[in-house]
Protein backbone atom coordinates (compact mmCIF):
# COMPACT_ATOMS: atom_id res chain seq x y z
CA UNK A 1 22.48 11.45 10.03
CA UNK A 2 22.16 10.29 13.65
CA UNK A 3 22.34 13.17 16.17
CA UNK A 4 25.29 13.10 18.59
CA UNK A 5 24.03 15.61 21.20
CA UNK A 6 20.66 16.29 22.82
CA UNK A 7 20.51 19.71 21.15
CA UNK A 8 20.60 18.02 17.73
CA UNK A 9 17.64 15.75 18.52
CA UNK A 10 14.37 16.73 16.83
CA UNK A 11 11.21 15.89 18.76
CA UNK A 12 10.64 14.40 22.26
CA UNK A 13 10.68 17.87 23.83
CA UNK A 14 8.75 16.49 26.83
CA UNK A 15 11.93 14.58 27.73
CA UNK A 16 14.59 16.95 26.43
CA UNK A 17 13.56 20.51 27.35
CA UNK A 18 15.34 22.29 30.20
CA UNK A 19 14.46 20.66 33.50
CA UNK A 20 13.12 17.47 31.89
CA UNK A 21 14.50 14.07 32.89
CA UNK A 22 16.90 13.29 30.04
CA UNK A 23 18.31 16.81 30.11
CA UNK A 24 18.87 16.45 33.86
CA UNK A 25 20.57 13.05 33.49
CA UNK A 26 23.04 14.48 31.00
CA UNK A 27 23.56 17.66 33.01
CA UNK A 28 24.27 15.80 36.25
CA UNK A 29 26.38 13.10 34.55
CA UNK A 30 24.41 10.51 36.53
CA UNK A 31 22.99 7.75 34.29
CA UNK A 32 19.71 6.12 35.32
CA UNK A 33 18.34 2.76 34.20
CA UNK A 34 15.52 3.45 31.74
CA UNK A 35 12.93 1.72 29.58
CA UNK A 36 12.33 3.77 26.44
CA UNK A 37 8.89 2.92 25.09
CA UNK A 38 7.93 4.32 21.72
CA UNK A 39 7.18 3.57 18.08
CA UNK A 40 9.89 2.66 15.55
CA UNK A 41 12.05 5.55 14.35
CA UNK A 42 11.25 7.85 17.27
CA UNK A 43 14.85 8.05 18.55
CA UNK A 44 15.24 5.37 21.24
CA UNK A 45 18.67 4.11 20.13
CA UNK A 46 19.88 7.63 19.40
CA UNK A 47 18.97 8.88 22.88
CA UNK A 48 20.65 5.90 24.55
CA UNK A 49 23.89 6.54 22.64
CA UNK A 50 23.84 10.24 23.45
CA UNK A 51 23.32 9.56 27.17
CA UNK A 52 26.27 7.14 27.23
CA UNK A 53 28.49 9.62 25.42
CA UNK A 54 27.49 12.57 27.62
CA UNK A 55 28.05 10.73 30.93
CA UNK A 56 31.37 9.23 29.76
CA UNK A 57 30.21 5.62 29.98
CA UNK A 58 31.02 2.69 27.71
CA UNK A 59 28.06 1.94 25.47
CA UNK A 60 27.34 -1.73 24.78
CA UNK A 61 24.47 -2.57 22.45
CA UNK A 62 22.56 -5.84 22.58
CA UNK A 63 19.63 -7.03 20.48
CA UNK A 64 17.11 -9.22 22.26
CA UNK A 65 16.32 -10.85 18.90
CA UNK A 66 19.78 -12.39 18.44
CA UNK A 67 21.18 -12.53 22.01
CA UNK A 68 20.75 -14.86 24.97
CA UNK A 69 21.65 -15.31 28.63
CA UNK A 70 25.31 -16.13 27.85
CA UNK A 71 25.69 -12.80 26.09
CA UNK A 72 24.35 -11.06 29.18
CA UNK A 73 26.83 -12.92 31.41
CA UNK A 74 29.71 -11.96 29.11
CA UNK A 75 28.71 -8.30 29.22
CA UNK A 76 28.34 -8.37 33.01
CA UNK A 77 31.90 -9.70 33.31
CA UNK A 78 33.11 -6.92 31.04
CA UNK A 79 31.21 -4.39 33.17
CA UNK A 80 33.06 -5.69 36.26
CA UNK A 81 36.38 -4.93 34.56
CA UNK A 82 35.12 -1.44 33.74
CA UNK A 83 34.02 -1.03 37.36
CA UNK A 84 37.56 -1.78 38.55
CA UNK A 85 38.81 0.90 36.16
CA UNK A 86 36.17 3.35 37.50
CA UNK A 87 34.41 3.35 34.12
CA UNK A 88 30.63 3.09 33.97
CA UNK A 89 28.85 0.71 31.61
CA UNK A 90 25.58 1.43 29.86
CA UNK A 91 23.95 -1.65 28.35
CA UNK A 92 21.40 -0.85 25.67
CA UNK A 93 18.99 -3.70 24.92
CA UNK A 94 17.00 -3.19 21.75
CA UNK A 95 13.55 -4.84 21.68
CA UNK A 96 13.90 -5.86 25.33
CA UNK A 97 10.32 -7.21 25.25
CA UNK A 98 11.63 -10.18 23.25
CA UNK A 99 13.69 -11.42 26.22
CA UNK A 100 11.86 -14.05 28.28
CA UNK A 101 11.43 -13.86 32.06
CA UNK A 102 14.63 -15.78 32.86
CA UNK A 103 16.67 -13.55 30.58
CA UNK A 104 15.19 -10.39 32.09
CA UNK A 105 15.79 -11.80 35.60
CA UNK A 106 19.50 -11.98 34.78
CA UNK A 107 19.69 -8.17 34.75
CA UNK A 108 18.19 -7.65 38.21
CA UNK A 109 21.18 -8.00 40.59
CA UNK A 110 23.47 -6.00 38.32
CA UNK A 111 21.01 -3.16 37.83
CA UNK A 112 20.33 -3.18 41.58
CA UNK A 113 24.04 -2.95 42.43
CA UNK A 114 24.74 -0.29 39.82
CA UNK A 115 27.25 -2.47 38.00
CA UNK A 116 25.40 -1.76 34.77
CA UNK A 117 23.01 0.99 33.79
CA UNK A 118 20.32 -0.66 31.69
CA UNK A 119 18.53 1.19 28.92
CA UNK A 120 15.91 -0.98 27.26
CA UNK A 121 14.04 -0.04 24.10
CA UNK A 122 10.62 -1.45 23.26
CA UNK A 123 7.73 -0.79 20.92
CA UNK A 124 5.40 -2.83 23.15
CA UNK A 125 3.70 -1.83 26.39
CA UNK A 126 6.27 -2.49 29.17
CA UNK A 127 3.44 -3.22 31.63
CA UNK A 128 2.82 -6.48 29.78
CA UNK A 129 6.22 -7.28 28.27
CA UNK A 130 8.77 -6.34 30.98
CA UNK A 131 8.83 -8.18 34.33
CA UNK A 132 7.66 -6.21 37.37
CA UNK A 133 10.96 -6.44 39.35
CA UNK A 134 12.81 -4.91 36.41
CA UNK A 135 10.20 -2.20 35.96
CA UNK A 136 10.57 -1.26 39.64
CA UNK A 137 14.31 -0.72 39.10
CA UNK A 138 13.93 1.46 36.01
CA UNK A 139 12.13 4.57 34.85
CA UNK A 140 9.74 4.13 31.93
CA UNK A 141 9.90 7.03 29.47
CA UNK A 142 7.33 7.25 26.68
CA UNK A 143 8.53 8.52 23.30
CA UNK A 144 5.98 10.01 20.91
CA UNK A 145 5.79 9.46 17.13
CA UNK A 146 7.45 12.33 15.31
CA UNK A 147 5.07 14.90 13.87
CA UNK A 148 4.98 15.57 10.15
CA UNK A 149 6.75 18.90 10.69
CA UNK A 150 9.50 17.23 12.73
CA UNK A 151 10.06 14.60 10.03
CA UNK A 152 10.36 17.37 7.42
CA UNK A 153 12.95 19.10 9.63
CA UNK A 154 14.94 15.85 9.82
CA UNK A 155 14.79 15.41 6.03
CA UNK A 156 15.83 19.02 5.45
CA UNK A 157 18.82 18.62 7.77
CA UNK A 158 19.89 15.53 5.83
CA UNK A 159 19.53 17.31 2.50
CA UNK A 160 21.60 20.26 3.77
CA UNK A 161 24.37 17.94 4.89
CA UNK A 162 24.26 16.24 1.49
CA UNK A 163 24.00 19.64 -0.27
CA UNK A 164 20.99 18.37 -2.21
CA UNK A 165 18.22 20.65 -0.94
CA UNK A 166 17.40 21.92 -4.44
CA UNK A 167 16.95 18.39 -5.79
CA UNK A 168 13.76 17.72 -3.78
CA UNK A 169 10.53 19.65 -4.35
CA UNK A 170 8.56 20.90 -1.33
CA UNK A 171 5.63 18.65 -2.29
CA UNK A 172 7.95 15.62 -2.48
CA UNK A 173 9.33 16.49 0.96
CA UNK A 174 5.80 16.75 2.31
CA UNK A 175 4.89 13.41 0.73
CA UNK A 176 7.96 11.71 2.22
CA UNK A 177 6.95 12.93 5.67
CA UNK A 178 3.34 11.82 5.12
CA UNK A 179 4.43 8.30 4.13
CA UNK A 180 6.78 7.93 7.10
CA UNK A 181 4.05 7.65 9.72
CA UNK A 182 6.25 9.49 12.22
CA UNK A 183 9.20 7.12 11.66
CA UNK A 184 12.41 9.04 10.91
CA UNK A 185 14.19 5.88 9.77
CA UNK A 186 11.50 5.19 7.14
CA UNK A 187 11.58 8.81 5.96
CA UNK A 188 15.38 8.86 5.55
CA UNK A 189 15.36 5.44 3.86
CA UNK A 190 12.77 6.58 1.32
CA UNK A 191 14.68 9.81 0.71
CA UNK A 192 17.90 7.89 0.12
CA UNK A 193 16.18 5.59 -2.37
CA UNK A 194 14.47 8.49 -4.18
CA UNK A 195 17.80 10.34 -4.53
CA UNK A 196 19.45 7.22 -5.96
CA UNK A 197 16.96 6.84 -8.82
CA UNK A 198 19.03 9.02 -11.17
CA UNK A 199 16.28 11.59 -11.54
CA UNK A 200 17.22 15.23 -11.96
CA UNK A 201 14.60 16.26 -9.46
CA UNK A 202 12.73 14.33 -6.77
CA UNK A 203 8.99 14.88 -7.21
CA UNK A 204 6.01 13.20 -5.51
CA UNK A 205 5.87 10.73 -8.42
CA UNK A 206 9.49 9.72 -7.82
CA UNK A 207 8.77 9.31 -4.10
CA UNK A 208 5.75 7.16 -4.90
CA UNK A 209 7.88 4.78 -6.98
CA UNK A 210 10.66 4.71 -4.37
CA UNK A 211 8.47 4.24 -1.30
CA UNK A 212 5.73 2.05 -2.79
CA UNK A 213 2.90 1.63 -0.26
CA UNK A 214 3.74 2.12 3.40
CA UNK A 215 2.74 -0.83 5.57
CA UNK A 216 0.63 0.42 8.50
CA UNK A 217 2.32 0.17 11.88
CA UNK A 218 -0.18 -2.38 13.15
CA UNK A 219 0.68 -5.64 14.91
CA UNK A 220 -2.34 -7.91 15.40
CA UNK A 221 -0.90 -9.07 18.73
CA UNK A 222 0.60 -5.77 19.83
CA UNK A 223 -0.30 -2.46 21.44
CA UNK A 224 -1.64 -0.82 18.27
CA UNK A 225 -4.11 -3.67 17.75
CA UNK A 226 -5.73 -3.04 21.13
CA UNK A 227 -5.58 0.74 20.81
CA UNK A 228 -7.37 0.83 17.46
CA UNK A 229 -10.11 -1.68 18.34
CA UNK A 230 -10.66 0.26 21.58
CA UNK A 231 -11.01 3.50 19.61
CA UNK A 232 -13.44 1.77 17.22
CA UNK A 233 -15.69 0.57 20.06
CA UNK A 234 -15.56 3.89 21.93
CA UNK A 235 -16.37 5.83 18.75
CA UNK A 236 -19.47 3.68 18.14
CA UNK A 237 -20.40 4.12 21.80
CA UNK A 238 -20.11 7.88 21.35
CA UNK A 239 -22.33 7.71 18.22
CA UNK A 240 -19.52 9.15 16.05
CA UNK A 241 -20.04 7.28 12.79
CA UNK A 242 -17.18 9.08 11.02
CA UNK A 243 -14.59 8.06 13.61
CA UNK A 244 -16.03 4.53 13.78
CA UNK A 245 -15.61 4.03 10.04
CA UNK A 246 -12.13 5.58 10.06
CA UNK A 247 -10.87 3.12 12.68
CA UNK A 248 -12.63 0.27 10.89
CA UNK A 249 -10.84 1.21 7.66
CA UNK A 250 -7.49 1.32 9.49
CA UNK A 251 -7.98 -2.17 10.88
CA UNK A 252 -8.99 -3.66 7.55
CA UNK A 253 -6.18 -1.87 5.69
CA UNK A 254 -3.69 -3.32 8.19
CA UNK A 255 -4.96 -6.86 7.61
CA UNK A 256 -7.12 -7.38 10.70
CA UNK A 257 -9.34 -10.47 10.70
CA UNK A 258 -12.83 -9.24 9.65
CA UNK A 259 -14.46 -11.89 11.84
CA UNK A 260 -12.68 -10.45 14.90
CA UNK A 261 -14.26 -7.06 14.13
CA UNK A 262 -17.67 -8.67 13.56
CA UNK A 263 -17.45 -10.50 16.91
CA UNK A 264 -16.74 -7.23 18.70
CA UNK A 265 -19.80 -5.66 17.06
CA UNK A 266 -21.98 -8.54 18.33
CA UNK A 267 -20.81 -7.82 21.88
CA UNK A 268 -21.36 -4.08 21.35
CA UNK A 269 -24.95 -4.64 20.19
CA UNK A 270 -25.97 -6.03 23.58
CA UNK A 271 -23.51 -4.19 25.81
CA UNK A 272 -24.08 -0.65 24.51
CA UNK A 273 -27.39 -0.68 22.60
CA UNK A 274 -29.32 -3.41 24.38
CA UNK A 275 -32.93 -2.53 25.10
CA UNK A 276 -32.69 0.75 23.16
CA UNK A 277 -32.68 -1.27 19.95
CA UNK A 278 -33.42 -4.95 20.25
CA UNK A 279 -32.82 -5.47 16.53
CA UNK A 280 -29.14 -4.48 16.85
CA UNK A 281 -28.08 -7.90 18.11
CA UNK A 282 -29.76 -9.69 15.20
CA UNK A 283 -28.12 -7.25 12.77
CA UNK A 284 -24.67 -7.82 14.28
CA UNK A 285 -25.06 -11.62 14.27
CA UNK A 286 -26.23 -11.49 10.65
CA UNK A 287 -23.16 -9.39 9.85
CA UNK A 288 -20.86 -12.06 11.31
CA UNK A 289 -22.59 -14.80 9.30
CA UNK A 290 -22.43 -12.71 6.13
CA UNK A 291 -18.74 -11.87 6.61
CA UNK A 292 -18.00 -15.55 7.20
CA UNK A 293 -19.81 -16.55 4.00
CA UNK A 294 -18.70 -13.74 1.71
CA UNK A 295 -15.13 -13.04 2.80
CA UNK A 296 -12.96 -10.10 1.83
CA UNK A 297 -12.95 -7.82 -0.05
CA UNK A 298 -16.75 -7.76 -0.48
CA UNK A 299 -17.28 -8.31 3.26
CA UNK A 300 -16.14 -4.71 3.75
CA UNK A 301 -19.56 -3.52 2.58
CA UNK A 302 -21.21 -5.51 5.37
CA UNK A 303 -18.81 -4.33 8.06
CA UNK A 304 -19.11 -0.67 7.11
CA UNK A 305 -22.90 -0.96 6.84
CA UNK A 306 -23.34 -2.51 10.28
CA UNK A 307 -20.69 -0.37 12.01
CA UNK A 308 -22.46 2.76 10.73
CA UNK A 309 -25.84 1.40 11.86
CA UNK A 310 -24.56 0.57 15.35
CA UNK A 311 -22.86 3.95 15.69
CA UNK A 312 -26.06 5.79 14.73
CA UNK A 313 -28.32 3.67 16.96
CA UNK A 314 -29.67 4.88 20.29
CA UNK A 315 -27.56 3.65 23.18
CA UNK A 316 -28.59 2.10 26.49
CA UNK A 317 -26.58 0.62 29.35
CA UNK A 318 -29.71 -0.73 31.05
CA UNK A 319 -29.01 -4.36 30.23
CA UNK A 320 -25.31 -4.14 31.09
CA UNK A 321 -25.94 -2.35 34.38
CA UNK A 322 -28.66 -4.87 35.29
CA UNK A 323 -26.29 -7.74 34.48
CA UNK A 324 -23.63 -6.44 36.88
CA UNK A 325 -26.18 -5.80 39.63
CA UNK A 326 -27.75 -9.26 39.18
CA UNK A 327 -24.29 -10.86 39.27
CA UNK A 328 -23.50 -8.99 42.47
CA UNK A 329 -26.78 -10.18 44.04
CA UNK A 330 -26.08 -13.78 43.03
CA UNK A 331 -22.62 -13.63 44.62
CA UNK A 332 -23.93 -12.07 47.83
CA UNK A 333 -26.82 -14.56 48.13
CA UNK A 334 -25.57 -17.73 46.41
CA UNK A 335 -27.58 -20.20 48.50
CA UNK A 336 -30.89 -18.42 49.09
CA UNK A 337 -33.74 -20.97 48.88
CA UNK A 338 -36.04 -20.69 45.87
CA UNK A 339 -39.61 -19.76 47.01
CA UNK A 340 -41.81 -22.85 47.36
CA UNK A 341 -44.45 -21.63 44.89
CA UNK A 342 -41.78 -21.50 42.12
CA UNK A 343 -40.61 -25.08 42.62
CA UNK A 344 -41.92 -27.95 40.52
CA UNK A 345 -44.03 -30.55 42.35
CA UNK A 346 -43.82 -33.86 40.46
CA UNK A 347 -44.73 -35.91 43.57
CA UNK A 348 -47.57 -35.84 46.14
CA UNK A 349 -45.11 -35.32 48.98
CA UNK A 350 -43.74 -32.21 47.34
CA UNK A 351 -47.25 -30.85 46.80
CA UNK A 352 -48.07 -31.51 50.46
CA UNK A 353 -44.95 -29.54 51.43
CA UNK A 354 -46.23 -26.51 49.51
CA UNK A 355 -44.20 -26.85 46.32
CA UNK A 356 -45.88 -25.03 43.39
CA UNK A 357 -48.67 -23.84 45.71
CA UNK A 358 -50.71 -20.99 44.26
CA UNK A 359 -48.82 -20.99 40.98
CA UNK A 360 -50.90 -20.70 37.78
CA UNK A 361 -49.61 -21.23 34.29
CA UNK A 362 -50.84 -18.07 32.60
CA UNK A 363 -49.38 -14.98 30.99
CA UNK A 364 -48.14 -12.23 33.29
CA UNK A 365 -48.87 -14.33 36.38
CA UNK A 366 -48.41 -12.48 39.68
CA UNK A 367 -47.97 -14.01 43.13
CA UNK A 368 -48.41 -12.24 46.45
CA UNK A 369 -44.98 -13.45 47.61
CA UNK A 370 -43.24 -12.36 44.40
CA UNK A 371 -40.50 -14.29 42.69
CA UNK A 372 -37.31 -13.47 44.60
CA UNK A 373 -35.99 -15.46 47.57
CA UNK A 374 -37.24 -14.03 50.84
CA UNK A 375 -33.83 -12.87 52.12
CA UNK A 376 -32.70 -11.16 48.90
CA UNK A 377 -33.30 -7.38 48.46
CA UNK A 378 -36.26 -6.65 46.18
CA UNK A 379 -34.78 -3.55 44.47
CA UNK A 380 -35.67 -3.62 40.77
CA UNK A 381 -32.81 -4.04 38.34
CA UNK A 382 -34.77 -2.88 35.28
């Protein structure tokens, strides 16, 4: 079912429409080293194969999971032979983020010289996972998850080729697309399994049995982890309780550590609510303690309760802004002498020198010289 030309590809129109980069590469027959960054099943391998075919280059595929530096050296030697025969070589490296720095370094001179055209595929942010020298020699193209409509189009094309369109109900097709999460490979795999179950007609119930529960595309050390927790925090900051609880549910459903979420809510209570609601910090700390003692699944009640409370609370950046300003002052005036009247005077000599002079131990004590060092600006932070 894999497309063989750009016109057969469904989705990624921002890269494939007339005038867009991949269309231009194919049109000009001039391959360019690329990093294709996108979620699973969005077409990275397919696009790499089509480019190689359209520009008449030999396509060599390498998986960073099972390959090492020796494999790279072997392919480079093969590319030299192709070069002598005036044949271009496109090396496709799947999951290129799994190569270490030394392995990625091995590509540099050969990409620079044009001996090989490198197309790397990754589901992780290249800014963090691909070395800077390699990034500077490639173009990073971002692939988007396929929409539900696009997944349905892919499934329909498969069914037409198999001449089995009438075997799948429209609701089953819709359900298959819903379960795929924008991953064409998952959708086609589930369709294949549903068709093999010897049922006369594929209904949503058949799909449910075939697909079971889809595992959320969430890696606790990957890009999605940081994207979802960021959305959770920003939704609470924006006082959108509905969005806050949605992202919270996504994290918990994907197996996120509940104590990680609780820790982030403690930070949020001071950073974003602060003086607008002094009880928020105590609530967030209590939530962490309760989650630690109770554990999942019952700890969900606590997390949802406190996340909703924090989202609906009044917000204030007063404390955070004051912290940054105070930190800036401390860095600009790190050695300013503490005023004499604020210094302790445990000895007679120190008292004679003016230490603690005029200071009185009473509530709301004021002193004519104030409390800041003499050379530090007196602008109020709060």
